C-alpha cells in the first residue's frame, strides 16, 4: 500500500485511524497539517497517551506502523501521509 495514495477521510468529532506508513514518525509532524489548521483537538493511542496541539504536548511520541489511533477534529477533513520513501 502506498500511504500517499490513500488519504484518510475524517469526520467532525472522533475518528479511528490506522497509521499506514512503514516507518515510525513523530505524531506532531505526521499530524502537523491538521494541527496547524486548528482542526485537530487531540490524538490518542491505545493506552490513552495524547498529542494535544493546543498545548504543544506530544505524549504519544511516534506513530507506529500497524497501530491505531483516535483523532478528534473540529470539522471534516482528510489526513494525508507522506510516501514511505519520504521523511517527516
N, C-alpha and C. Protein backbone atom coordinates (compact mmCIF):
# COMPACT_ATOMS: atom_id res chain seq x y z
N UNK A 1 0.84 -1.17 0.00
CA UNK A 1 0.00 0.00 0.00
C UNK A 1 0.89 1.24 0.00
N UNK A 2 0.52 2.19 -0.81
CA UNK A 2 1.23 3.47 -0.84
C UNK A 2 0.45 4.47 0.01
N UNK A 3 0.97 4.84 1.18
CA UNK A 3 0.21 5.72 2.07
C UNK A 3 -0.14 7.07 1.46
N UNK A 4 0.73 7.59 0.59
CA UNK A 4 0.47 8.89 -0.02
C UNK A 4 -0.71 8.85 -0.99
N UNK A 5 -1.10 7.66 -1.43
CA UNK A 5 -2.22 7.50 -2.35
C UNK A 5 -3.52 7.14 -1.64
N UNK A 6 -3.48 7.09 -0.31
CA UNK A 6 -4.65 6.67 0.47
C UNK A 6 -4.95 7.65 1.60
N UNK A 7 -5.43 8.85 1.26
CA UNK A 7 -5.79 9.79 2.33
C UNK A 7 -6.93 9.20 3.16
N UNK A 8 -6.95 9.55 4.43
CA UNK A 8 -7.98 9.07 5.34
C UNK A 8 -9.01 10.18 5.54
N UNK A 9 -10.26 9.87 5.24
CA UNK A 9 -11.35 10.81 5.43
C UNK A 9 -11.69 10.89 6.91
N UNK A 10 -11.71 12.10 7.43
CA UNK A 10 -12.03 12.33 8.84
C UNK A 10 -13.37 13.06 8.93
N UNK A 11 -14.20 12.60 9.84
CA UNK A 11 -15.47 13.27 10.13
C UNK A 11 -15.26 14.25 11.26
N UNK A 12 -16.15 15.21 11.42
CA UNK A 12 -16.10 16.08 12.59
C UNK A 12 -16.37 15.22 13.81
N UNK A 13 -15.56 15.39 14.86
CA UNK A 13 -15.70 14.57 16.07
C UNK A 13 -14.63 13.50 16.11
N UNK A 14 -14.95 12.37 16.74
CA UNK A 14 -13.97 11.29 16.94
C UNK A 14 -13.85 10.40 15.71
N UNK A 15 -12.61 10.01 15.41
CA UNK A 15 -12.28 9.13 14.30
C UNK A 15 -11.27 8.09 14.77
N UNK A 16 -11.34 6.90 14.20
CA UNK A 16 -10.33 5.86 14.42
C UNK A 16 -9.54 5.74 13.11
N UNK A 17 -8.22 5.79 13.22
CA UNK A 17 -7.38 5.68 12.01
C UNK A 17 -6.28 4.66 12.24
N UNK A 18 -5.77 4.14 11.15
CA UNK A 18 -4.57 3.32 11.18
C UNK A 18 -3.41 4.13 10.63
N UNK A 19 -2.21 3.87 11.16
CA UNK A 19 -1.01 4.53 10.64
C UNK A 19 -0.49 3.69 9.49
N UNK A 20 -0.48 4.22 8.28
CA UNK A 20 -0.25 3.44 7.07
C UNK A 20 1.21 3.33 6.64
N UNK A 21 2.09 4.09 7.24
CA UNK A 21 3.48 4.08 6.78
C UNK A 21 4.27 2.92 7.37
N UNK A 22 5.43 2.62 6.77
CA UNK A 22 6.27 1.51 7.20
C UNK A 22 7.26 1.90 8.29
N UNK A 23 7.50 3.19 8.48
CA UNK A 23 8.44 3.68 9.49
C UNK A 23 7.71 4.56 10.50
N UNK A 24 8.13 4.47 11.75
CA UNK A 24 7.57 5.34 12.79
C UNK A 24 7.94 6.79 12.48
N UNK A 25 7.11 7.71 12.96
CA UNK A 25 7.38 9.14 12.79
C UNK A 25 6.68 9.89 13.92
N UNK A 26 7.25 11.03 14.35
CA UNK A 26 6.66 11.80 15.45
C UNK A 26 5.22 12.23 15.14
N UNK A 27 4.34 12.03 16.11
CA UNK A 27 2.92 12.36 15.94
C UNK A 27 2.74 13.82 15.56
N UNK A 28 3.51 14.72 16.17
CA UNK A 28 3.33 16.14 15.88
C UNK A 28 3.68 16.48 14.43
N UNK A 29 4.61 15.75 13.83
CA UNK A 29 4.97 16.01 12.44
C UNK A 29 3.98 15.37 11.48
N UNK A 30 3.56 14.14 11.77
CA UNK A 30 2.60 13.45 10.90
C UNK A 30 1.27 14.20 10.87
N UNK A 31 0.88 14.74 12.02
CA UNK A 31 -0.42 15.40 12.14
C UNK A 31 -0.34 16.92 12.02
N UNK A 32 0.80 17.44 11.56
CA UNK A 32 1.04 18.88 11.50
C UNK A 32 0.01 19.62 10.64
N UNK A 33 -0.36 19.05 9.51
CA UNK A 33 -1.32 19.71 8.62
C UNK A 33 -2.65 19.95 9.35
N UNK A 34 -3.10 18.96 10.11
CA UNK A 34 -4.36 19.10 10.86
C UNK A 34 -4.21 20.05 12.04
N UNK A 35 -3.09 19.96 12.74
CA UNK A 35 -2.92 20.80 13.93
C UNK A 35 -2.63 22.25 13.54
N UNK A 36 -1.86 22.47 12.48
CA UNK A 36 -1.56 23.84 12.05
C UNK A 36 -2.81 24.59 11.59
N UNK A 37 -3.77 23.86 11.06
CA UNK A 37 -5.02 24.49 10.62
C UNK A 37 -5.98 24.72 11.79
N UNK A 38 -5.64 24.20 12.97
CA UNK A 38 -6.50 24.34 14.14
C UNK A 38 -7.63 23.34 14.19
N UNK A 39 -7.62 22.36 13.29
CA UNK A 39 -8.71 21.39 13.22
C UNK A 39 -8.54 20.22 14.19
N UNK A 40 -7.31 19.85 14.50
CA UNK A 40 -7.08 18.71 15.39
C UNK A 40 -7.20 19.14 16.85
N UNK A 41 -8.08 18.49 17.58
CA UNK A 41 -8.26 18.77 19.01
C UNK A 41 -7.31 17.91 19.82
N UNK A 42 -7.31 16.59 19.55
CA UNK A 42 -6.49 15.65 20.30
C UNK A 42 -6.32 14.37 19.49
N UNK A 43 -5.18 13.72 19.68
CA UNK A 43 -4.94 12.38 19.14
C UNK A 43 -4.53 11.50 20.31
N UNK A 44 -5.03 10.25 20.34
CA UNK A 44 -4.70 9.33 21.42
C UNK A 44 -4.29 7.98 20.86
N UNK A 45 -3.37 7.32 21.58
CA UNK A 45 -3.00 5.96 21.20
C UNK A 45 -3.80 4.96 22.03
N UNK A 46 -3.47 3.68 21.91
CA UNK A 46 -4.26 2.62 22.55
C UNK A 46 -4.17 2.61 24.07
N UNK A 47 -3.16 3.27 24.65
CA UNK A 47 -3.07 3.32 26.11
C UNK A 47 -3.50 4.67 26.67
N UNK A 48 -4.01 5.53 25.79
CA UNK A 48 -4.53 6.81 26.23
C UNK A 48 -3.53 7.95 26.25
N UNK A 49 -2.28 7.69 25.84
CA UNK A 49 -1.32 8.79 25.72
C UNK A 49 -1.82 9.74 24.63
N UNK A 50 -1.56 11.03 24.80
CA UNK A 50 -2.19 12.01 23.92
C UNK A 50 -1.19 12.96 23.28
N UNK A 51 -1.56 13.42 22.08
CA UNK A 51 -0.93 14.56 21.43
C UNK A 51 -1.99 15.65 21.45
N UNK A 52 -1.68 16.78 22.12
CA UNK A 52 -2.62 17.89 22.25
C UNK A 52 -1.97 19.13 21.65
N UNK A 53 -2.28 19.44 20.40
CA UNK A 53 -1.62 20.56 19.71
C UNK A 53 -1.78 21.90 20.41
N UNK A 54 -2.93 22.15 21.01
CA UNK A 54 -3.18 23.43 21.66
C UNK A 54 -2.14 23.75 22.73
N UNK A 55 -1.62 22.70 23.38
CA UNK A 55 -0.63 22.88 24.44
C UNK A 55 0.77 22.46 24.00
N UNK A 56 0.93 22.17 22.69
CA UNK A 56 2.21 21.72 22.15
C UNK A 56 2.75 20.54 22.95
N UNK A 57 1.86 19.59 23.27
CA UNK A 57 2.20 18.43 24.09
C UNK A 57 2.09 17.15 23.26
N UNK A 58 3.19 16.41 23.17
CA UNK A 58 3.19 15.14 22.44
C UNK A 58 3.54 14.01 23.39
N UNK A 59 2.54 13.48 24.06
CA UNK A 59 2.73 12.34 24.96
C UNK A 59 2.75 11.01 24.23
N UNK A 60 2.38 11.00 22.95
CA UNK A 60 2.40 9.77 22.15
C UNK A 60 3.82 9.45 21.71
N UNK A 61 4.56 10.48 21.35
CA UNK A 61 5.88 10.25 20.75
C UNK A 61 5.69 9.97 19.28
N UNK A 62 6.10 8.78 18.84
CA UNK A 62 6.00 8.41 17.43
C UNK A 62 4.73 7.62 17.14
N UNK A 63 4.13 7.87 15.97
CA UNK A 63 3.11 6.98 15.45
C UNK A 63 3.84 5.76 14.91
N UNK A 64 3.28 4.58 15.15
CA UNK A 64 3.96 3.33 14.80
C UNK A 64 3.19 2.55 13.75
N UNK A 65 3.92 1.93 12.80
CA UNK A 65 3.28 1.15 11.74
C UNK A 65 2.35 0.08 12.32
N UNK A 66 1.17 -0.03 11.72
CA UNK A 66 0.23 -1.06 12.12
C UNK A 66 -0.59 -0.75 13.36
N UNK A 67 -0.35 0.38 13.98
CA UNK A 67 -1.08 0.75 15.19
C UNK A 67 -2.25 1.66 14.82
N UNK A 68 -3.25 1.69 15.71
CA UNK A 68 -4.42 2.52 15.51
C UNK A 68 -4.43 3.70 16.47
N UNK A 69 -5.10 4.76 16.08
CA UNK A 69 -5.15 5.99 16.88
C UNK A 69 -6.54 6.60 16.80
N UNK A 70 -6.91 7.32 17.85
CA UNK A 70 -8.15 8.08 17.86
C UNK A 70 -7.79 9.55 17.63
N UNK A 71 -8.51 10.18 16.72
CA UNK A 71 -8.33 11.61 16.46
C UNK A 71 -9.67 12.31 16.66
N UNK A 72 -9.63 13.46 17.32
CA UNK A 72 -10.83 14.28 17.42
C UNK A 72 -10.59 15.56 16.64
N UNK A 73 -11.47 15.83 15.69
CA UNK A 73 -11.35 17.02 14.86
C UNK A 73 -12.58 17.91 15.03
N UNK A 74 -12.39 19.20 14.78
CA UNK A 74 -13.49 20.15 14.84
C UNK A 74 -14.40 20.04 13.63
N UNK A 75 -13.79 19.76 12.48
CA UNK A 75 -14.53 19.72 11.20
C UNK A 75 -14.07 18.52 10.39
N UNK A 76 -14.86 18.13 9.41
CA UNK A 76 -14.47 17.08 8.48
C UNK A 76 -13.18 17.51 7.76
N UNK A 77 -12.34 16.54 7.45
CA UNK A 77 -11.04 16.85 6.85
C UNK A 77 -10.48 15.58 6.22
N UNK A 78 -9.26 15.65 5.71
CA UNK A 78 -8.54 14.48 5.21
C UNK A 78 -7.16 14.48 5.82
N UNK A 79 -6.70 13.29 6.19
CA UNK A 79 -5.34 13.10 6.68
C UNK A 79 -4.51 12.53 5.54
N UNK A 80 -3.41 13.21 5.21
CA UNK A 80 -2.52 12.77 4.15
C UNK A 80 -1.19 12.34 4.76
N UNK A 81 -0.69 11.20 4.31
CA UNK A 81 0.62 10.71 4.74
C UNK A 81 1.65 10.96 3.65
N UNK A 82 2.90 11.13 4.05
CA UNK A 82 4.00 11.14 3.09
C UNK A 82 4.24 9.72 2.60
N UNK A 83 4.93 9.58 1.49
CA UNK A 83 5.28 8.25 1.00
C UNK A 83 6.26 7.58 1.95
N UNK A 84 6.40 6.28 1.83
CA UNK A 84 7.35 5.55 2.66
C UNK A 84 8.79 5.96 2.36
N UNK A 85 9.05 6.51 1.19
CA UNK A 85 10.40 6.93 0.82
C UNK A 85 10.75 8.30 1.39
N UNK A 86 9.76 9.05 1.86
CA UNK A 86 9.98 10.39 2.40
C UNK A 86 10.09 10.34 3.91
N UNK A 87 10.65 11.41 4.48
CA UNK A 87 10.78 11.51 5.94
C UNK A 87 10.04 12.73 6.44
N UNK A 88 9.53 12.62 7.66
CA UNK A 88 8.91 13.77 8.31
C UNK A 88 9.98 14.57 9.01
